[in-house]
Amino acid sequence: MDDSDFQRWAGAVLRAFEALDTSSYYQVLAVNPDDPQEVIRKAFHRRSIQLHPDRHRETPEPVRGRVYAIYKRMTEAYGVLIDPDLRRAYDAGLKEGRLRYDEEWAVARPQTARESLRNPAAQRYYQATLDAVANGDFKGAELNLRLAISHEGETPQLLEMLQALRARSGPAGGTIPPAGG
């Protein structure tokens, strides 16, 4: 990269760095709020290839520090948006104007279905349900959710998700509520 290319790139890094405090996690990863997990995963990996700290060990300061800060925020955003429960809680907070997820917020948020499960087998089957939904395997999701219910019992959250899965599998289709809910 010649000096003029570096200066353009450093300018783009500076603009991204200056926008961090006013950007949502969706903006940081350049994705839309309704994008599925796979799009978020690809966006994170694409951007991390460009901004991974290992690629910028020789980049002069202050640009290197800015790249590290951007990468750190990207990993924070990815960690929240890729987890269905955290993403749902983040989206609710985003409507209240919160751009970042923090521990205080985590304590204050309502308990999710995953957190309410007491039985370890039910927790595993519930996670398998979420994975199946993320992969578009709604029949597999329904089977795993039935197994979670058999171990945990009929909780309102699990029954609501089962009803949504059945509606999705039916001839009229339907939508799955946010996973974890």
N, C-alpha and C. Protein backbone atom coordinates (compact mmCIF):
# COMPACT_ATOMS: atom_id res chain seq x y z
N MET A 1 0.86 -1.17 0.00
CA MET A 1 0.00 0.00 0.00
C MET A 1 0.91 1.23 0.00
N ASP A 2 0.70 2.10 -0.98
CA ASP A 2 1.53 3.30 -1.01
C ASP A 2 1.00 4.33 -0.02
N ASP A 3 1.72 5.45 0.10
CA ASP A 3 1.39 6.44 1.12
C ASP A 3 0.00 7.05 0.92
N SER A 4 -0.40 7.33 -0.32
CA SER A 4 -1.72 7.93 -0.54
C SER A 4 -2.83 6.93 -0.21
N ASP A 5 -2.63 5.63 -0.53
CA ASP A 5 -3.60 4.61 -0.16
C ASP A 5 -3.71 4.49 1.36
N PHE A 6 -2.54 4.53 2.02
CA PHE A 6 -2.54 4.44 3.48
C PHE A 6 -3.28 5.63 4.09
N GLN A 7 -3.06 6.83 3.55
CA GLN A 7 -3.72 8.02 4.09
C GLN A 7 -5.24 7.92 3.93
N ARG A 8 -5.71 7.41 2.78
CA ARG A 8 -7.15 7.23 2.57
C ARG A 8 -7.70 6.20 3.56
N TRP A 9 -6.97 5.10 3.71
CA TRP A 9 -7.39 4.05 4.64
C TRP A 9 -7.39 4.58 6.07
N ALA A 10 -6.35 5.32 6.45
CA ALA A 10 -6.27 5.87 7.81
C ALA A 10 -7.41 6.86 8.04
N GLY A 11 -7.81 7.61 7.01
CA GLY A 11 -8.94 8.52 7.13
C GLY A 11 -10.24 7.76 7.36
N ALA A 12 -10.41 6.64 6.67
CA ALA A 12 -11.60 5.82 6.86
C ALA A 12 -11.61 5.23 8.27
N VAL A 13 -10.45 4.80 8.76
CA VAL A 13 -10.35 4.28 10.13
C VAL A 13 -10.71 5.36 11.13
N LEU A 14 -10.20 6.56 10.92
CA LEU A 14 -10.51 7.67 11.83
C LEU A 14 -12.01 7.95 11.85
N ARG A 15 -12.65 7.99 10.69
CA ARG A 15 -14.11 8.25 10.65
C ARG A 15 -14.88 7.14 11.38
N ALA A 16 -14.48 5.89 11.17
CA ALA A 16 -15.14 4.77 11.85
C ALA A 16 -14.91 4.85 13.36
N PHE A 17 -13.70 5.19 13.76
CA PHE A 17 -13.37 5.31 15.17
C PHE A 17 -14.19 6.41 15.83
N GLU A 18 -14.30 7.56 15.17
CA GLU A 18 -15.06 8.67 15.73
C GLU A 18 -16.55 8.37 15.81
N ALA A 19 -17.04 7.47 14.99
CA ALA A 19 -18.47 7.12 14.99
C ALA A 19 -18.82 6.01 15.99
N LEU A 20 -17.82 5.40 16.62
CA LEU A 20 -18.10 4.26 17.51
C LEU A 20 -19.11 4.59 18.60
N ASP A 21 -18.97 5.74 19.24
CA ASP A 21 -19.84 6.06 20.37
C ASP A 21 -21.27 6.39 19.97
N THR A 22 -21.51 6.60 18.69
CA THR A 22 -22.87 6.92 18.24
C THR A 22 -23.43 5.85 17.30
N SER A 23 -22.75 4.72 17.22
CA SER A 23 -23.16 3.64 16.31
C SER A 23 -23.74 2.47 17.08
N SER A 24 -24.82 1.91 16.53
CA SER A 24 -25.38 0.68 17.09
C SER A 24 -24.49 -0.49 16.67
N TYR A 25 -24.70 -1.62 17.29
CA TYR A 25 -23.95 -2.81 16.91
C TYR A 25 -24.23 -3.18 15.45
N TYR A 26 -25.44 -2.93 15.00
CA TYR A 26 -25.78 -3.22 13.60
C TYR A 26 -24.95 -2.35 12.66
N GLN A 27 -24.79 -1.09 13.02
CA GLN A 27 -23.98 -0.18 12.20
C GLN A 27 -22.51 -0.57 12.24
N VAL A 28 -22.02 -0.97 13.40
CA VAL A 28 -20.62 -1.37 13.53
C VAL A 28 -20.31 -2.54 12.60
N LEU A 29 -21.24 -3.48 12.49
CA LEU A 29 -21.02 -4.65 11.63
C LEU A 29 -21.57 -4.45 10.22
N ALA A 30 -22.19 -3.31 9.97
CA ALA A 30 -22.76 -3.00 8.65
C ALA A 30 -23.78 -4.06 8.22
N VAL A 31 -24.72 -4.35 9.15
CA VAL A 31 -25.81 -5.28 8.87
C VAL A 31 -27.12 -4.60 9.24
N ASN A 32 -28.22 -5.21 8.83
CA ASN A 32 -29.55 -4.69 9.15
C ASN A 32 -30.12 -5.40 10.37
N PRO A 33 -30.96 -4.74 11.14
CA PRO A 33 -31.54 -5.37 12.33
C PRO A 33 -32.34 -6.64 12.05
N ASP A 34 -32.85 -6.81 10.84
CA ASP A 34 -33.61 -8.02 10.54
C ASP A 34 -32.77 -9.09 9.84
N ASP A 35 -31.47 -8.87 9.72
CA ASP A 35 -30.61 -9.88 9.10
C ASP A 35 -30.48 -11.11 9.99
N PRO A 36 -30.47 -12.31 9.40
CA PRO A 36 -30.31 -13.53 10.19
C PRO A 36 -28.88 -13.68 10.70
N GLN A 37 -28.71 -14.64 11.60
CA GLN A 37 -27.40 -14.87 12.22
C GLN A 37 -26.31 -15.14 11.19
N GLU A 38 -26.63 -15.85 10.14
CA GLU A 38 -25.61 -16.19 9.15
C GLU A 38 -25.06 -14.93 8.47
N VAL A 39 -25.91 -13.95 8.20
CA VAL A 39 -25.45 -12.69 7.60
C VAL A 39 -24.55 -11.95 8.58
N ILE A 40 -24.92 -11.96 9.85
CA ILE A 40 -24.12 -11.30 10.88
C ILE A 40 -22.76 -12.00 11.00
N ARG A 41 -22.78 -13.31 10.99
CA ARG A 41 -21.54 -14.09 11.08
C ARG A 41 -20.61 -13.74 9.90
N LYS A 42 -21.16 -13.73 8.70
CA LYS A 42 -20.35 -13.42 7.52
C LYS A 42 -19.82 -11.99 7.55
N ALA A 43 -20.66 -11.05 7.97
CA ALA A 43 -20.23 -9.65 8.04
C ALA A 43 -19.09 -9.50 9.03
N PHE A 44 -19.21 -10.15 10.19
CA PHE A 44 -18.15 -10.06 11.19
C PHE A 44 -16.85 -10.65 10.64
N HIS A 45 -16.93 -11.81 10.03
CA HIS A 45 -15.71 -12.44 9.52
C HIS A 45 -15.08 -11.62 8.40
N ARG A 46 -15.90 -11.07 7.54
CA ARG A 46 -15.38 -10.24 6.45
C ARG A 46 -14.64 -9.02 7.00
N ARG A 47 -15.25 -8.36 7.99
CA ARG A 47 -14.62 -7.17 8.56
C ARG A 47 -13.44 -7.52 9.44
N SER A 48 -13.50 -8.67 10.12
CA SER A 48 -12.38 -9.02 10.99
C SER A 48 -11.13 -9.37 10.18
N ILE A 49 -11.32 -9.88 8.97
CA ILE A 49 -10.17 -10.13 8.11
C ILE A 49 -9.44 -8.81 7.83
N GLN A 50 -10.18 -7.76 7.64
CA GLN A 50 -9.59 -6.45 7.34
C GLN A 50 -8.97 -5.79 8.57
N LEU A 51 -9.61 -5.98 9.73
CA LEU A 51 -9.22 -5.19 10.90
C LEU A 51 -8.61 -6.00 12.05
N HIS A 52 -8.34 -7.25 11.86
CA HIS A 52 -7.79 -8.05 12.96
C HIS A 52 -6.48 -7.44 13.44
N PRO A 53 -6.31 -7.32 14.75
CA PRO A 53 -5.08 -6.71 15.28
C PRO A 53 -3.78 -7.35 14.79
N ASP A 54 -3.79 -8.64 14.53
CA ASP A 54 -2.57 -9.29 14.05
C ASP A 54 -2.12 -8.73 12.70
N ARG A 55 -3.05 -8.25 11.90
CA ARG A 55 -2.70 -7.68 10.60
C ARG A 55 -2.11 -6.28 10.73
N HIS A 56 -2.24 -5.68 11.91
CA HIS A 56 -1.85 -4.28 12.06
C HIS A 56 -0.79 -4.06 13.13
N ARG A 57 0.02 -5.07 13.38
CA ARG A 57 1.09 -4.91 14.37
C ARG A 57 2.10 -3.85 13.94
N GLU A 58 2.30 -3.72 12.65
CA GLU A 58 3.27 -2.76 12.12
C GLU A 58 2.64 -1.41 11.76
N THR A 59 1.34 -1.28 11.90
CA THR A 59 0.66 -0.02 11.58
C THR A 59 1.06 1.02 12.63
N PRO A 60 1.44 2.20 12.20
CA PRO A 60 1.86 3.22 13.17
C PRO A 60 0.70 3.74 14.01
N GLU A 61 1.06 4.20 15.21
CA GLU A 61 0.08 4.87 16.07
C GLU A 61 -0.20 6.24 15.48
N PRO A 62 -1.35 6.83 15.65
CA PRO A 62 -2.50 6.38 16.43
C PRO A 62 -3.45 5.48 15.64
N VAL A 63 -3.15 5.21 14.39
CA VAL A 63 -4.05 4.41 13.55
C VAL A 63 -4.21 3.01 14.14
N ARG A 64 -3.11 2.40 14.59
CA ARG A 64 -3.18 1.04 15.15
C ARG A 64 -4.14 1.00 16.34
N GLY A 65 -4.05 1.96 17.23
CA GLY A 65 -4.94 2.00 18.40
C GLY A 65 -6.40 2.14 18.00
N ARG A 66 -6.64 2.91 16.96
CA ARG A 66 -8.01 3.07 16.47
C ARG A 66 -8.54 1.78 15.85
N VAL A 67 -7.68 1.10 15.11
CA VAL A 67 -8.07 -0.19 14.53
C VAL A 67 -8.40 -1.17 15.64
N TYR A 68 -7.59 -1.21 16.69
CA TYR A 68 -7.85 -2.11 17.80
C TYR A 68 -9.18 -1.78 18.48
N ALA A 69 -9.46 -0.50 18.66
CA ALA A 69 -10.74 -0.10 19.29
C ALA A 69 -11.93 -0.51 18.43
N ILE A 70 -11.80 -0.33 17.13
CA ILE A 70 -12.89 -0.72 16.23
C ILE A 70 -13.08 -2.23 16.28
N TYR A 71 -11.98 -2.98 16.25
CA TYR A 71 -12.07 -4.44 16.28
C TYR A 71 -12.70 -4.91 17.60
N LYS A 72 -12.32 -4.29 18.68
CA LYS A 72 -12.88 -4.66 19.99
C LYS A 72 -14.39 -4.43 19.99
N ARG A 73 -14.85 -3.31 19.44
CA ARG A 73 -16.29 -3.04 19.39
C ARG A 73 -16.99 -4.02 18.46
N MET A 74 -16.31 -4.39 17.35
CA MET A 74 -16.89 -5.38 16.44
C MET A 74 -17.11 -6.71 17.14
N THR A 75 -16.13 -7.15 17.94
CA THR A 75 -16.28 -8.44 18.63
C THR A 75 -17.37 -8.35 19.69
N GLU A 76 -17.48 -7.20 20.34
CA GLU A 76 -18.57 -6.97 21.30
C GLU A 76 -19.92 -7.07 20.60
N ALA A 77 -20.03 -6.39 19.46
CA ALA A 77 -21.27 -6.40 18.69
C ALA A 77 -21.61 -7.81 18.24
N TYR A 78 -20.63 -8.52 17.73
CA TYR A 78 -20.84 -9.88 17.25
C TYR A 78 -21.30 -10.79 18.39
N GLY A 79 -20.66 -10.69 19.54
CA GLY A 79 -21.03 -11.52 20.68
C GLY A 79 -22.47 -11.33 21.12
N VAL A 80 -22.96 -10.11 21.01
CA VAL A 80 -24.35 -9.82 21.39
C VAL A 80 -25.32 -10.22 20.28
N LEU A 81 -25.01 -9.84 19.05
CA LEU A 81 -25.96 -10.08 17.96
C LEU A 81 -26.05 -11.54 17.53
N ILE A 82 -25.04 -12.32 17.78
CA ILE A 82 -25.07 -13.73 17.36
C ILE A 82 -25.82 -14.59 18.38
N ASP A 83 -25.96 -14.12 19.61
CA ASP A 83 -26.69 -14.85 20.65
C ASP A 83 -28.14 -14.40 20.62
N PRO A 84 -29.08 -15.29 20.33
CA PRO A 84 -30.49 -14.88 20.19
C PRO A 84 -31.06 -14.17 21.42
N ASP A 85 -30.70 -14.63 22.60
CA ASP A 85 -31.23 -14.00 23.82
C ASP A 85 -30.65 -12.60 24.01
N LEU A 86 -29.34 -12.48 23.85
CA LEU A 86 -28.71 -11.18 24.01
C LEU A 86 -29.18 -10.21 22.92
N ARG A 87 -29.35 -10.72 21.73
CA ARG A 87 -29.80 -9.87 20.63
C ARG A 87 -31.20 -9.32 20.90
N ARG A 88 -32.09 -10.17 21.39
CA ARG A 88 -33.44 -9.72 21.70
C ARG A 88 -33.40 -8.64 22.79
N ALA A 89 -32.58 -8.87 23.82
CA ALA A 89 -32.46 -7.88 24.89
C ALA A 89 -31.81 -6.60 24.36
N TYR A 90 -30.82 -6.74 23.49
CA TYR A 90 -30.18 -5.57 22.90
C TYR A 90 -31.17 -4.75 22.07
N ASP A 91 -31.96 -5.44 21.27
CA ASP A 91 -32.94 -4.75 20.44
C ASP A 91 -33.93 -3.96 21.30
N ALA A 92 -34.33 -4.55 22.42
CA ALA A 92 -35.24 -3.84 23.33
C ALA A 92 -34.55 -2.60 23.90
N GLY A 93 -33.30 -2.74 24.29
CA GLY A 93 -32.55 -1.60 24.81
C GLY A 93 -32.27 -0.55 23.76
N LEU A 94 -32.07 -1.01 22.54
CA LEU A 94 -31.81 -0.08 21.43
C LEU A 94 -33.01 0.84 21.22
N LYS A 95 -34.21 0.30 21.41
CA LYS A 95 -35.43 1.12 21.30
C LYS A 95 -35.48 2.20 22.38
N GLU A 96 -34.76 1.95 23.48
CA GLU A 96 -34.68 2.92 24.57
C GLU A 96 -33.48 3.86 24.39
N GLY A 97 -32.74 3.68 23.31
CA GLY A 97 -31.60 4.55 23.04
C GLY A 97 -30.26 4.02 23.51
N ARG A 98 -30.22 2.79 24.00
CA ARG A 98 -28.95 2.21 24.45
C ARG A 98 -28.23 1.61 23.26
N LEU A 99 -27.04 2.07 23.02
CA LEU A 99 -26.27 1.58 21.86
C LEU A 99 -25.35 0.42 22.21
N ARG A 100 -25.04 0.27 23.49
CA ARG A 100 -24.13 -0.80 23.91
C ARG A 100 -24.77 -1.65 24.99
N TYR A 101 -24.37 -2.90 24.99
CA TYR A 101 -24.85 -3.85 25.99
C TYR A 101 -23.87 -3.85 27.15
N ASP A 102 -24.36 -3.78 28.39
CA ASP A 102 -23.47 -3.82 29.54
C ASP A 102 -24.03 -4.74 30.62
N GLU A 103 -23.23 -5.01 31.63
CA GLU A 103 -23.62 -5.95 32.69
C GLU A 103 -24.85 -5.47 33.45
N GLU A 104 -24.96 -4.18 33.72
CA GLU A 104 -26.13 -3.66 34.44
C GLU A 104 -27.40 -3.95 33.65
N TRP A 105 -27.32 -3.78 32.36
CA TRP A 105 -28.43 -4.06 31.47
C TRP A 105 -28.77 -5.54 31.53
N ALA A 106 -27.75 -6.39 31.55
CA ALA A 106 -27.98 -7.83 31.57
C ALA A 106 -28.71 -8.24 32.84
N VAL A 107 -28.37 -7.64 33.97
CA VAL A 107 -29.03 -7.97 35.23
C VAL A 107 -30.47 -7.49 35.22
N ALA A 108 -30.72 -6.35 34.59
CA ALA A 108 -32.06 -5.76 34.61
C ALA A 108 -33.02 -6.38 33.61
N ARG A 109 -32.50 -7.08 32.61
CA ARG A 109 -33.38 -7.59 31.57
C ARG A 109 -34.21 -8.77 32.07
N PRO A 110 -35.36 -9.01 31.49
CA PRO A 110 -36.19 -10.13 31.92
C PRO A 110 -35.50 -11.47 31.63
N GLN A 111 -35.85 -12.45 32.40
CA GLN A 111 -35.27 -13.77 32.23
C GLN A 111 -35.73 -14.37 30.91
N THR A 112 -34.80 -14.96 30.19
CA THR A 112 -35.11 -15.58 28.91
C THR A 112 -35.46 -17.05 29.14
N ALA A 113 -35.97 -17.69 28.10
CA ALA A 113 -36.32 -19.10 28.21
C ALA A 113 -35.10 -19.92 28.59
N ARG A 114 -33.97 -19.67 27.94
CA ARG A 114 -32.76 -20.45 28.24
C ARG A 114 -32.38 -20.31 29.70
N GLU A 115 -32.44 -19.09 30.23
CA GLU A 115 -32.06 -18.85 31.62
C GLU A 115 -33.06 -19.45 32.60
N SER A 116 -34.30 -19.62 32.17
CA SER A 116 -35.32 -20.14 33.08
C SER A 116 -35.30 -21.66 33.18
N LEU A 117 -34.62 -22.33 32.26
CA LEU A 117 -34.58 -23.79 32.29
C LEU A 117 -33.66 -24.28 33.40
N ARG A 118 -34.17 -25.21 34.21
CA ARG A 118 -33.39 -25.73 35.32
C ARG A 118 -32.73 -27.06 34.98
N ASN A 119 -33.34 -27.82 34.10
CA ASN A 119 -32.85 -29.15 33.76
C ASN A 119 -31.74 -29.06 32.70
N PRO A 120 -30.56 -29.63 32.97
CA PRO A 120 -29.45 -29.56 32.00
C PRO A 120 -29.79 -30.19 30.65
N ALA A 121 -30.54 -31.28 30.65
CA ALA A 121 -30.92 -31.91 29.38
C ALA A 121 -31.85 -30.98 28.60
N ALA A 122 -32.77 -30.33 29.31
CA ALA A 122 -33.68 -29.39 28.65
C ALA A 122 -32.89 -28.22 28.06
N GLN A 123 -31.87 -27.77 28.77
CA GLN A 123 -31.03 -26.68 28.27
C GLN A 123 -30.32 -27.09 26.98
N ARG A 124 -29.81 -28.33 26.94
CA ARG A 124 -29.12 -28.82 25.74
C ARG A 124 -30.10 -28.93 24.56
N TYR A 125 -31.28 -29.48 24.81
CA TYR A 125 -32.27 -29.61 23.74
C TYR A 125 -32.77 -28.24 23.28
N TYR A 126 -32.88 -27.31 24.22
CA TYR A 126 -33.30 -25.96 23.85
C TYR A 126 -32.25 -25.32 22.93
N GLN A 127 -30.97 -25.48 23.29
CA GLN A 127 -29.91 -24.94 22.44
C GLN A 127 -29.93 -25.61 21.07
N ALA A 128 -30.18 -26.91 21.03
CA ALA A 128 -30.29 -27.61 19.75
C ALA A 128 -31.46 -27.07 18.94
N THR A 129 -32.53 -26.68 19.62
CA THR A 129 -33.68 -26.06 18.95
C THR A 129 -33.26 -24.75 18.29
N LEU A 130 -32.55 -23.91 19.05
CA LEU A 130 -32.10 -22.63 18.50
C LEU A 130 -31.18 -22.83 17.31
N ASP A 131 -30.28 -23.80 17.42
CA ASP A 131 -29.36 -24.08 16.31
C ASP A 131 -30.12 -24.54 15.07
N ALA A 132 -31.11 -25.40 15.28
CA ALA A 132 -31.90 -25.91 14.15
C ALA A 132 -32.68 -24.77 13.49
N VAL A 133 -33.25 -23.87 14.29
CA VAL A 133 -33.97 -22.73 13.73
C VAL A 133 -33.01 -21.87 12.92
N ALA A 134 -31.82 -21.62 13.46
CA ALA A 134 -30.83 -20.80 12.75
C ALA A 134 -30.44 -21.43 11.42
N ASN A 135 -30.50 -22.75 11.34
CA ASN A 135 -30.15 -23.46 10.10
C ASN A 135 -31.35 -23.73 9.20
N GLY A 136 -32.52 -23.25 9.62
CA GLY A 136 -33.72 -23.44 8.81
C GLY A 136 -34.35 -24.82 8.92
N ASP A 137 -33.91 -25.62 9.88
CA ASP A 137 -34.44 -26.98 10.08
C ASP A 137 -35.56 -26.91 11.11
N PHE A 138 -36.76 -26.55 10.67
CA PHE A 138 -37.85 -26.34 11.61
C PHE A 138 -38.43 -27.64 12.16
N LYS A 139 -38.37 -28.71 11.39
CA LYS A 139 -38.82 -30.01 11.92
C LYS A 139 -37.87 -30.49 13.03
N GLY A 140 -36.57 -30.35 12.78
CA GLY A 140 -35.58 -30.71 13.80
C GLY A 140 -35.72 -29.82 15.03
N ALA A 141 -36.03 -28.54 14.79
CA ALA A 141 -36.22 -27.62 15.91
C ALA A 141 -37.41 -28.05 16.76
N GLU A 142 -38.51 -28.42 16.09
CA GLU A 142 -39.69 -28.86 16.83
C GLU A 142 -39.41 -30.12 17.64
N LEU A 143 -38.69 -31.07 17.04
CA LEU A 143 -38.34 -32.30 17.76
C LEU A 143 -37.50 -31.98 19.00
N ASN A 144 -36.48 -31.15 18.85
CA ASN A 144 -35.63 -30.80 19.98
C ASN A 144 -36.40 -30.03 21.04
N LEU A 145 -37.31 -29.17 20.62
CA LEU A 145 -38.10 -28.41 21.58
C LEU A 145 -39.03 -29.34 22.35
N ARG A 146 -39.61 -30.33 21.67
CA ARG A 146 -40.45 -31.32 22.37
C ARG A 146 -39.63 -32.08 23.42
N LEU A 147 -38.39 -32.40 23.07
CA LEU A 147 -37.52 -33.09 24.03
C LEU A 147 -37.19 -32.17 25.21
N ALA A 148 -36.95 -30.89 24.94
CA ALA A 148 -36.71 -29.94 26.03
C ALA A 148 -37.92 -29.87 26.96
N ILE A 149 -39.10 -29.82 26.37
CA ILE A 149 -40.33 -29.77 27.17
C ILE A 149 -40.51 -31.05 27.98
N SER A 150 -40.14 -32.18 27.40
CA SER A 150 -40.28 -33.44 28.14
C SER A 150 -39.38 -33.48 29.37
N HIS A 151 -38.26 -32.78 29.32
CA HIS A 151 -37.35 -32.75 30.47
C HIS A 151 -37.67 -31.63 31.46
N GLU A 152 -38.15 -30.51 30.94
CA GLU A 152 -38.38 -29.34 31.79
C GLU A 152 -39.83 -29.20 32.22
N GLY A 153 -40.75 -29.65 31.39
CA GLY A 153 -42.16 -29.42 31.64
C GLY A 153 -42.66 -28.31 30.73
N GLU A 154 -43.95 -28.08 30.78
CA GLU A 154 -44.58 -27.13 29.87
C GLU A 154 -44.51 -25.71 30.43
N THR A 155 -43.42 -25.03 30.13
CA THR A 155 -43.31 -23.62 30.54
C THR A 155 -43.98 -22.76 29.48
N PRO A 156 -44.50 -21.60 29.86
CA PRO A 156 -45.16 -20.74 28.87
C PRO A 156 -44.25 -20.36 27.69
N GLN A 157 -42.99 -20.09 27.98
CA GLN A 157 -42.07 -19.68 26.91
C GLN A 157 -41.83 -20.82 25.92
N LEU A 158 -41.65 -22.04 26.43
CA LEU A 158 -41.41 -23.17 25.54
C LEU A 158 -42.66 -23.51 24.74
N LEU A 159 -43.81 -23.44 25.39
CA LEU A 159 -45.06 -23.73 24.67
C LEU A 159 -45.33 -22.69 23.58
N GLU A 160 -45.01 -21.42 23.86
CA GLU A 160 -45.19 -20.37 22.85
C GLU A 160 -44.28 -20.62 21.65
N MET A 161 -43.07 -21.02 21.92
CA MET A 161 -42.14 -21.30 20.82
C MET A 161 -42.60 -22.53 20.04
N LEU A 162 -43.10 -23.55 20.73
CA LEU A 162 -43.60 -24.75 20.06
C LEU A 162 -44.77 -24.39 19.14
N GLN A 163 -45.66 -23.56 19.63
CA GLN A 163 -46.81 -23.13 18.82
C GLN A 163 -46.32 -22.40 17.56
N ALA A 164 -45.32 -21.55 17.71
CA ALA A 164 -44.78 -20.82 16.55
C ALA A 164 -44.11 -21.78 15.57
N LEU A 165 -43.41 -22.78 16.09
CA LEU A 165 -42.78 -23.77 15.21
C LEU A 165 -43.83 -24.57 14.45
N ARG A 166 -44.89 -24.94 15.14
CA ARG A 166 -45.97 -25.67 14.47
C ARG A 166 -46.60 -24.82 13.38
N ALA A 167 -46.79 -23.53 13.66
CA ALA A 167 -47.36 -22.62 12.66
C ALA A 167 -46.41 -22.49 11.48
N ARG A 168 -45.13 -22.50 11.74
CA ARG A 168 -44.13 -22.38 10.67
C ARG A 168 -44.12 -23.64 9.80
N SER A 169 -44.33 -24.77 10.42
CA SER A 169 -44.32 -26.04 9.69
C SER A 169 -45.61 -26.28 8.93
N GLY A 170 -46.68 -25.58 9.33
CA GLY A 170 -47.99 -25.79 8.71
C GLY A 170 -48.05 -25.23 7.31
N PRO A 171 -49.16 -25.48 6.60
CA PRO A 171 -49.29 -25.04 5.21
C PRO A 171 -49.31 -23.53 5.05
N ALA A 172 -49.78 -22.81 6.06
CA ALA A 172 -49.87 -21.36 5.93
C ALA A 172 -48.55 -20.68 6.29
N GLY A 173 -47.60 -21.44 6.81
CA GLY A 173 -46.32 -20.83 7.20
C GLY A 173 -46.46 -20.12 8.53
N GLY A 174 -45.74 -19.08 8.74
CA GLY A 174 -45.75 -18.33 9.97
C GLY A 174 -44.35 -17.88 10.28
N THR A 175 -44.18 -17.27 11.42
CA THR A 175 -42.85 -16.82 11.79
C THR A 175 -42.48 -17.36 13.14
N ILE A 176 -41.21 -17.49 13.35
CA ILE A 176 -40.69 -17.96 14.62
C ILE A 176 -40.41 -16.71 15.48
N PRO A 177 -40.86 -16.73 16.73
CA PRO A 177 -40.55 -15.58 17.57
C PRO A 177 -39.05 -15.54 17.82
N PRO A 178 -38.53 -14.44 18.32
CA PRO A 178 -37.09 -14.38 18.58
C PRO A 178 -36.69 -15.55 19.45
N ALA A 179 -35.65 -16.25 19.05
CA ALA A 179 -35.19 -17.42 19.81
C ALA A 179 -34.82 -16.99 21.21
N GLY A 180 -35.13 -17.84 22.15
CA GLY A 180 -34.83 -17.54 23.54
C GLY A 180 -36.05 -17.00 24.26
N GLY A 181 -37.09 -16.71 23.55
CA GLY A 181 -38.23 -16.04 24.14
C GLY A 181 -39.29 -16.95 24.49
